[in-house]
Amino acid sequence: MYMSNVKKLGVLSGCAVAIVAMIMAARGAPAQGPPVTVPSHVLRADTVEITADELTSDRTVVRAFVPTGSSSPRCLATLSETNWPMPGISVFCAPRGFNGQAGIVVSAFLSQQIPEDLPNYVLLVTVYQEGAKEYGTPVLFTE
């Protein structure tokens, strides 16, 4: 009796495997999507160092123009590191022309004022702009 149940289980398992194999063979190879197009230019992000020189007079907003040689509206900015951490910093970037150069403005809205006695304030921001030829030295954006 025991042996016949084992044989039945073996036959059923074998049938199940055979059925699954036939279904997979009938389906054929999965369809592939179109090939991915890689842009002809190199995508490159970089870290820029923003200092107290790029703070507004009330020392609560960073307005830094970064020359890139591009006027593309596709840009990204994210915080990397700072020597004065605080919660709630909002960061934005936007394409701008400034002093005859194309680039991006990085704006960081701080949740508290940077103290006057912290002249060596540093905020590292990783930036990307489509078509950027370089990421130059940030300067205070005053427009």
N, C-alpha and C. Protein backbone atom coordinates (compact mmCIF):
# COMPACT_ATOMS: atom_id res chain seq x y z
N MET A 1 0.82 -1.19 0.00
CA MET A 1 0.00 0.00 0.00
C MET A 1 0.86 1.25 0.00
N TYR A 2 1.89 1.25 0.89
CA TYR A 2 2.78 2.41 0.98
C TYR A 2 3.49 2.65 -0.35
N MET A 3 3.96 1.59 -0.98
CA MET A 3 4.70 1.71 -2.22
C MET A 3 3.83 2.25 -3.35
N SER A 4 2.58 1.89 -3.37
CA SER A 4 1.71 2.36 -4.46
C SER A 4 1.43 3.86 -4.32
N ASN A 5 1.34 4.36 -3.11
CA ASN A 5 1.14 5.81 -2.91
C ASN A 5 2.39 6.58 -3.35
N VAL A 6 3.55 6.02 -3.06
CA VAL A 6 4.79 6.67 -3.47
C VAL A 6 4.90 6.68 -4.98
N LYS A 7 4.50 5.56 -5.63
CA LYS A 7 4.53 5.49 -7.09
C LYS A 7 3.57 6.50 -7.70
N LYS A 8 2.37 6.61 -7.11
CA LYS A 8 1.39 7.58 -7.61
C LYS A 8 1.92 9.00 -7.49
N LEU A 9 2.54 9.30 -6.36
CA LEU A 9 3.12 10.64 -6.16
C LEU A 9 4.22 10.92 -7.17
N GLY A 10 5.05 9.91 -7.45
CA GLY A 10 6.11 10.07 -8.43
C GLY A 10 5.57 10.30 -9.82
N VAL A 11 4.53 9.54 -10.21
CA VAL A 11 3.92 9.70 -11.53
C VAL A 11 3.29 11.07 -11.66
N LEU A 12 2.56 11.52 -10.61
CA LEU A 12 1.93 12.84 -10.64
C LEU A 12 2.98 13.96 -10.73
N SER A 13 4.06 13.84 -9.98
CA SER A 13 5.13 14.84 -10.03
C SER A 13 5.75 14.91 -11.41
N GLY A 14 5.99 13.74 -11.99
CA GLY A 14 6.57 13.68 -13.33
C GLY A 14 5.65 14.29 -14.35
N CYS A 15 4.35 14.04 -14.24
CA CYS A 15 3.38 14.63 -15.17
C CYS A 15 3.35 16.15 -15.03
N ALA A 16 3.40 16.63 -13.79
CA ALA A 16 3.38 18.08 -13.56
C ALA A 16 4.59 18.75 -14.19
N VAL A 17 5.74 18.16 -14.02
CA VAL A 17 6.97 18.71 -14.61
C VAL A 17 6.87 18.72 -16.13
N ALA A 18 6.35 17.64 -16.71
CA ALA A 18 6.21 17.54 -18.16
C ALA A 18 5.24 18.59 -18.69
N ILE A 19 4.13 18.81 -17.99
CA ILE A 19 3.15 19.80 -18.42
C ILE A 19 3.75 21.21 -18.38
N VAL A 20 4.44 21.53 -17.30
CA VAL A 20 5.08 22.85 -17.19
C VAL A 20 6.11 23.04 -18.30
N ALA A 21 6.89 22.01 -18.60
CA ALA A 21 7.89 22.09 -19.66
C ALA A 21 7.23 22.33 -21.01
N MET A 22 6.11 21.66 -21.29
CA MET A 22 5.41 21.84 -22.57
C MET A 22 4.84 23.25 -22.68
N ILE A 23 4.29 23.76 -21.60
CA ILE A 23 3.73 25.13 -21.62
C ILE A 23 4.84 26.13 -21.90
N MET A 24 5.97 25.98 -21.24
CA MET A 24 7.09 26.92 -21.43
C MET A 24 7.62 26.83 -22.86
N ALA A 25 7.70 25.64 -23.41
CA ALA A 25 8.19 25.48 -24.78
C ALA A 25 7.22 26.10 -25.78
N ALA A 26 5.92 26.00 -25.51
CA ALA A 26 4.92 26.54 -26.42
C ALA A 26 4.92 28.07 -26.41
N ARG A 27 5.30 28.66 -25.31
CA ARG A 27 5.31 30.12 -25.19
C ARG A 27 6.46 30.74 -25.98
N GLY A 28 7.54 30.03 -26.16
CA GLY A 28 8.70 30.56 -26.88
C GLY A 28 9.48 31.52 -26.02
N ALA A 29 10.46 32.17 -26.64
CA ALA A 29 11.31 33.13 -25.94
C ALA A 29 10.52 34.39 -25.63
N PRO A 30 10.77 35.00 -24.49
CA PRO A 30 10.05 36.22 -24.16
C PRO A 30 10.42 37.35 -25.13
N ALA A 31 9.44 38.20 -25.42
CA ALA A 31 9.68 39.33 -26.32
C ALA A 31 10.61 40.32 -25.65
N GLN A 32 11.49 40.90 -26.43
CA GLN A 32 12.42 41.89 -25.91
C GLN A 32 11.96 43.27 -26.33
N GLY A 33 12.20 44.25 -25.46
CA GLY A 33 11.85 45.63 -25.77
C GLY A 33 12.85 46.22 -26.74
N PRO A 34 12.60 47.45 -27.16
CA PRO A 34 13.52 48.10 -28.08
C PRO A 34 14.86 48.35 -27.39
N PRO A 35 15.93 48.46 -28.16
CA PRO A 35 17.24 48.70 -27.55
C PRO A 35 17.27 50.06 -26.86
N VAL A 36 18.04 50.16 -25.81
CA VAL A 36 18.19 51.41 -25.07
C VAL A 36 19.15 52.31 -25.83
N THR A 37 18.73 53.56 -26.04
CA THR A 37 19.58 54.53 -26.72
C THR A 37 20.42 55.26 -25.69
N VAL A 38 21.71 55.25 -25.88
CA VAL A 38 22.63 55.94 -24.98
C VAL A 38 22.94 57.31 -25.58
N PRO A 39 22.85 58.38 -24.80
CA PRO A 39 23.15 59.70 -25.33
C PRO A 39 24.58 59.78 -25.85
N SER A 40 24.77 60.64 -26.84
CA SER A 40 26.10 60.77 -27.43
C SER A 40 27.05 61.52 -26.51
N HIS A 41 26.52 62.31 -25.58
CA HIS A 41 27.39 63.02 -24.64
C HIS A 41 27.49 62.24 -23.34
N VAL A 42 28.51 62.50 -22.61
CA VAL A 42 28.74 61.80 -21.34
C VAL A 42 27.91 62.47 -20.25
N LEU A 43 27.18 61.67 -19.50
CA LEU A 43 26.43 62.20 -18.37
C LEU A 43 27.40 62.30 -17.19
N ARG A 44 27.50 63.49 -16.61
CA ARG A 44 28.48 63.68 -15.56
C ARG A 44 27.92 64.63 -14.50
N ALA A 45 27.95 64.18 -13.29
CA ALA A 45 27.60 65.03 -12.15
C ALA A 45 28.91 65.37 -11.44
N ASP A 46 28.86 66.41 -10.63
CA ASP A 46 30.05 66.79 -9.88
C ASP A 46 29.62 67.45 -8.57
N THR A 47 30.54 67.50 -7.64
CA THR A 47 30.29 68.15 -6.37
C THR A 47 30.88 69.55 -6.40
N VAL A 48 30.06 70.53 -6.03
CA VAL A 48 30.55 71.91 -5.95
C VAL A 48 30.55 72.35 -4.49
N GLU A 49 31.50 73.19 -4.16
CA GLU A 49 31.64 73.68 -2.78
C GLU A 49 31.08 75.09 -2.69
N ILE A 50 30.01 75.21 -1.94
CA ILE A 50 29.38 76.51 -1.71
C ILE A 50 29.84 76.99 -0.35
N THR A 51 30.19 78.27 -0.28
CA THR A 51 30.73 78.83 0.97
C THR A 51 29.84 79.97 1.47
N ALA A 52 30.28 80.60 2.56
CA ALA A 52 29.56 81.75 3.13
C ALA A 52 29.45 82.89 2.11
N ASP A 53 30.34 82.93 1.12
CA ASP A 53 30.29 83.98 0.09
C ASP A 53 29.02 83.90 -0.74
N GLU A 54 28.36 82.73 -0.79
CA GLU A 54 27.14 82.56 -1.58
C GLU A 54 25.87 82.64 -0.73
N LEU A 55 25.99 83.09 0.52
CA LEU A 55 24.82 83.28 1.38
C LEU A 55 24.22 84.67 1.14
N THR A 56 22.90 84.77 1.24
CA THR A 56 22.26 86.08 1.17
C THR A 56 22.58 86.86 2.45
N SER A 57 22.26 88.14 2.46
CA SER A 57 22.64 88.99 3.60
C SER A 57 22.03 88.54 4.92
N ASP A 58 20.84 87.91 4.88
CA ASP A 58 20.25 87.43 6.14
C ASP A 58 20.79 86.07 6.57
N ARG A 59 21.68 85.48 5.74
CA ARG A 59 22.38 84.22 6.03
C ARG A 59 21.43 83.03 6.23
N THR A 60 20.28 83.05 5.51
CA THR A 60 19.34 81.93 5.58
C THR A 60 19.09 81.28 4.22
N VAL A 61 19.66 81.85 3.17
CA VAL A 61 19.46 81.32 1.82
C VAL A 61 20.79 81.30 1.07
N VAL A 62 21.05 80.20 0.41
CA VAL A 62 22.20 80.08 -0.49
C VAL A 62 21.69 80.37 -1.89
N ARG A 63 22.38 81.25 -2.62
CA ARG A 63 22.07 81.53 -4.02
C ARG A 63 23.39 81.48 -4.77
N ALA A 64 23.70 80.33 -5.34
CA ALA A 64 25.00 80.13 -5.97
C ALA A 64 24.84 79.86 -7.46
N PHE A 65 25.47 80.68 -8.29
CA PHE A 65 25.50 80.44 -9.73
C PHE A 65 26.71 79.57 -10.03
N VAL A 66 26.47 78.47 -10.74
CA VAL A 66 27.54 77.55 -11.13
C VAL A 66 27.62 77.57 -12.66
N PRO A 67 28.70 78.12 -13.23
CA PRO A 67 28.82 78.12 -14.69
C PRO A 67 29.03 76.71 -15.22
N THR A 68 28.24 76.36 -16.26
CA THR A 68 28.33 75.01 -16.83
C THR A 68 28.51 75.03 -18.35
N GLY A 69 28.20 76.16 -18.98
CA GLY A 69 28.24 76.22 -20.44
C GLY A 69 27.01 75.64 -21.09
N SER A 70 25.98 75.35 -20.30
CA SER A 70 24.74 74.77 -20.82
C SER A 70 23.56 75.61 -20.35
N SER A 71 22.51 75.67 -21.17
CA SER A 71 21.29 76.37 -20.76
C SER A 71 20.11 75.40 -20.66
N SER A 72 20.40 74.11 -20.60
CA SER A 72 19.35 73.09 -20.51
C SER A 72 18.56 73.25 -19.21
N PRO A 73 17.23 73.09 -19.29
CA PRO A 73 16.42 73.16 -18.07
C PRO A 73 16.50 71.87 -17.24
N ARG A 74 17.15 70.84 -17.77
CA ARG A 74 17.25 69.58 -17.04
C ARG A 74 18.45 69.62 -16.10
N CYS A 75 18.17 69.83 -14.83
CA CYS A 75 19.24 69.88 -13.83
C CYS A 75 18.77 69.19 -12.56
N LEU A 76 19.74 68.75 -11.79
CA LEU A 76 19.48 68.10 -10.51
C LEU A 76 20.47 68.65 -9.49
N ALA A 77 20.04 68.72 -8.25
CA ALA A 77 20.93 69.12 -7.15
C ALA A 77 20.53 68.33 -5.92
N THR A 78 21.54 67.87 -5.19
CA THR A 78 21.27 67.15 -3.94
C THR A 78 22.37 67.49 -2.94
N LEU A 79 22.02 67.49 -1.68
CA LEU A 79 22.98 67.84 -0.63
C LEU A 79 23.98 66.70 -0.44
N SER A 80 25.23 67.08 -0.22
CA SER A 80 26.26 66.08 0.04
C SER A 80 26.75 66.16 1.48
N GLU A 81 27.29 67.32 1.86
CA GLU A 81 27.88 67.44 3.19
C GLU A 81 27.94 68.91 3.58
N THR A 82 28.02 69.17 4.88
CA THR A 82 28.14 70.54 5.37
C THR A 82 28.84 70.53 6.72
N ASN A 83 29.40 71.66 7.09
CA ASN A 83 29.99 71.78 8.42
C ASN A 83 29.02 72.45 9.40
N TRP A 84 27.79 72.71 8.96
CA TRP A 84 26.76 73.25 9.83
C TRP A 84 25.43 72.57 9.51
N PRO A 85 25.28 71.29 9.94
CA PRO A 85 24.07 70.54 9.59
C PRO A 85 22.85 71.07 10.31
N MET A 86 21.73 70.96 9.62
CA MET A 86 20.45 71.36 10.21
C MET A 86 19.34 70.62 9.47
N PRO A 87 18.24 70.37 10.13
CA PRO A 87 17.12 69.71 9.45
C PRO A 87 16.38 70.70 8.55
N GLY A 88 15.73 70.18 7.54
CA GLY A 88 14.80 70.99 6.75
C GLY A 88 15.40 71.87 5.69
N ILE A 89 16.55 71.52 5.12
CA ILE A 89 17.11 72.31 4.02
C ILE A 89 16.42 71.89 2.73
N SER A 90 15.87 72.86 2.00
CA SER A 90 15.27 72.59 0.69
C SER A 90 16.22 73.10 -0.39
N VAL A 91 16.49 72.24 -1.37
CA VAL A 91 17.45 72.59 -2.43
C VAL A 91 16.77 72.53 -3.79
N PHE A 92 17.04 73.53 -4.61
CA PHE A 92 16.51 73.60 -5.96
C PHE A 92 17.63 74.02 -6.91
N CYS A 93 17.47 73.69 -8.19
CA CYS A 93 18.36 74.22 -9.21
C CYS A 93 17.53 74.66 -10.40
N ALA A 94 18.07 75.61 -11.15
CA ALA A 94 17.37 76.13 -12.33
C ALA A 94 18.42 76.71 -13.28
N PRO A 95 18.16 76.61 -14.60
CA PRO A 95 19.10 77.17 -15.56
C PRO A 95 19.04 78.70 -15.53
N ARG A 96 20.19 79.31 -15.63
CA ARG A 96 20.26 80.77 -15.65
C ARG A 96 21.48 81.20 -16.46
N GLY A 97 21.40 82.44 -16.95
CA GLY A 97 22.55 83.11 -17.53
C GLY A 97 22.98 84.17 -16.54
N PHE A 98 24.28 84.31 -16.32
CA PHE A 98 24.77 85.28 -15.34
C PHE A 98 26.17 85.72 -15.75
N ASN A 99 26.38 87.01 -15.79
CA ASN A 99 27.67 87.58 -16.19
C ASN A 99 28.15 87.01 -17.53
N GLY A 100 27.21 86.85 -18.47
CA GLY A 100 27.55 86.37 -19.80
C GLY A 100 27.83 84.88 -19.91
N GLN A 101 27.54 84.12 -18.86
CA GLN A 101 27.78 82.69 -18.88
C GLN A 101 26.47 81.93 -18.67
N ALA A 102 26.39 80.73 -19.26
CA ALA A 102 25.25 79.85 -19.04
C ALA A 102 25.59 78.89 -17.91
N GLY A 103 24.57 78.54 -17.13
CA GLY A 103 24.81 77.61 -16.03
C GLY A 103 23.56 77.37 -15.23
N ILE A 104 23.74 77.01 -13.99
CA ILE A 104 22.61 76.77 -13.09
C ILE A 104 22.76 77.59 -11.81
N VAL A 105 21.62 77.91 -11.24
CA VAL A 105 21.60 78.52 -9.91
C VAL A 105 21.15 77.45 -8.94
N VAL A 106 21.94 77.26 -7.92
CA VAL A 106 21.59 76.34 -6.83
C VAL A 106 21.07 77.20 -5.69
N SER A 107 19.84 76.93 -5.28
CA SER A 107 19.24 77.65 -4.16
C SER A 107 19.01 76.66 -3.03
N ALA A 108 19.44 77.03 -1.84
CA ALA A 108 19.21 76.21 -0.65
C ALA A 108 18.57 77.10 0.39
N PHE A 109 17.38 76.73 0.82
CA PHE A 109 16.65 77.49 1.82
C PHE A 109 16.87 76.80 3.17
N LEU A 110 17.57 77.50 4.06
CA LEU A 110 17.99 76.94 5.34
C LEU A 110 16.93 77.17 6.40
N SER A 111 16.81 76.26 7.32
CA SER A 111 15.79 76.37 8.37
C SER A 111 16.23 77.27 9.52
N GLN A 112 17.48 77.67 9.52
CA GLN A 112 17.98 78.61 10.53
C GLN A 112 19.14 79.40 9.95
N GLN A 113 19.44 80.49 10.59
CA GLN A 113 20.50 81.38 10.13
C GLN A 113 21.88 80.78 10.41
N ILE A 114 22.78 80.96 9.44
CA ILE A 114 24.18 80.57 9.65
C ILE A 114 24.82 81.66 10.50
N PRO A 115 25.43 81.31 11.62
CA PRO A 115 26.01 82.32 12.51
C PRO A 115 27.10 83.16 11.83
N GLU A 116 27.14 84.42 12.19
CA GLU A 116 28.17 85.34 11.67
C GLU A 116 29.57 84.86 12.04
N ASP A 117 29.69 84.20 13.21
CA ASP A 117 31.01 83.76 13.65
C ASP A 117 31.42 82.42 13.03
N LEU A 118 30.74 82.03 11.95
CA LEU A 118 31.11 80.83 11.19
C LEU A 118 31.47 81.27 9.77
N PRO A 119 32.60 81.97 9.62
CA PRO A 119 32.97 82.48 8.30
C PRO A 119 33.39 81.37 7.32
N ASN A 120 33.72 80.20 7.85
CA ASN A 120 34.18 79.10 6.97
C ASN A 120 33.05 78.12 6.66
N TYR A 121 31.80 78.62 6.61
CA TYR A 121 30.65 77.77 6.29
C TYR A 121 30.87 77.10 4.93
N VAL A 122 30.57 75.79 4.87
CA VAL A 122 30.70 75.02 3.63
C VAL A 122 29.47 74.15 3.47
N LEU A 123 28.93 74.16 2.24
CA LEU A 123 27.83 73.28 1.86
C LEU A 123 28.24 72.62 0.55
N LEU A 124 28.43 71.31 0.59
CA LEU A 124 28.77 70.58 -0.64
C LEU A 124 27.48 70.09 -1.27
N VAL A 125 27.32 70.39 -2.57
CA VAL A 125 26.12 70.02 -3.32
C VAL A 125 26.55 69.26 -4.56
N THR A 126 25.93 68.11 -4.80
CA THR A 126 26.17 67.37 -6.02
C THR A 126 25.20 67.90 -7.07
N VAL A 127 25.73 68.31 -8.22
CA VAL A 127 24.90 68.91 -9.26
C VAL A 127 25.07 68.18 -10.58
N TYR A 128 24.03 68.29 -11.40
CA TYR A 128 24.05 67.76 -12.76
C TYR A 128 23.22 68.70 -13.62
N GLN A 129 23.71 68.99 -14.81
CA GLN A 129 22.92 69.70 -15.82
C GLN A 129 23.19 69.06 -17.16
N GLU A 130 22.12 68.74 -17.87
CA GLU A 130 22.27 68.13 -19.18
C GLU A 130 23.08 69.05 -20.09
N GLY A 131 24.08 68.50 -20.74
CA GLY A 131 24.91 69.26 -21.67
C GLY A 131 26.00 70.09 -21.01
N ALA A 132 26.19 69.95 -19.71
CA ALA A 132 27.22 70.74 -19.02
C ALA A 132 28.60 70.39 -19.56
N LYS A 133 29.38 71.41 -19.83
CA LYS A 133 30.75 71.21 -20.29
C LYS A 133 31.73 71.22 -19.12
N GLU A 134 31.31 71.86 -18.03
CA GLU A 134 32.13 71.97 -16.82
C GLU A 134 31.21 72.34 -15.67
N TYR A 135 31.74 72.26 -14.48
CA TYR A 135 31.06 72.79 -13.30
C TYR A 135 32.06 73.73 -12.65
N GLY A 136 31.89 75.03 -12.96
CA GLY A 136 32.85 76.02 -12.50
C GLY A 136 32.66 76.38 -11.03
N THR A 137 33.44 77.34 -10.58
CA THR A 137 33.41 77.79 -9.20
C THR A 137 32.12 78.59 -8.95
N PRO A 138 31.37 78.24 -7.91
CA PRO A 138 30.13 78.97 -7.62
C PRO A 138 30.42 80.41 -7.20
N VAL A 139 29.50 81.31 -7.58
CA VAL A 139 29.53 82.71 -7.15
C VAL A 139 28.14 83.10 -6.70
N LEU A 140 28.05 84.15 -5.86
CA LEU A 140 26.76 84.61 -5.37
C LEU A 140 25.91 85.08 -6.56
N PHE A 141 24.70 84.56 -6.66
CA PHE A 141 23.77 84.95 -7.71
C PHE A 141 22.91 86.08 -7.18
N THR A 142 22.96 87.24 -7.83
CA THR A 142 22.31 88.42 -7.28
C THR A 142 21.14 88.93 -8.11
N GLU A 143 20.75 88.25 -9.14
CA GLU A 143 19.64 88.74 -9.98
C GLU A 143 18.32 88.21 -9.49
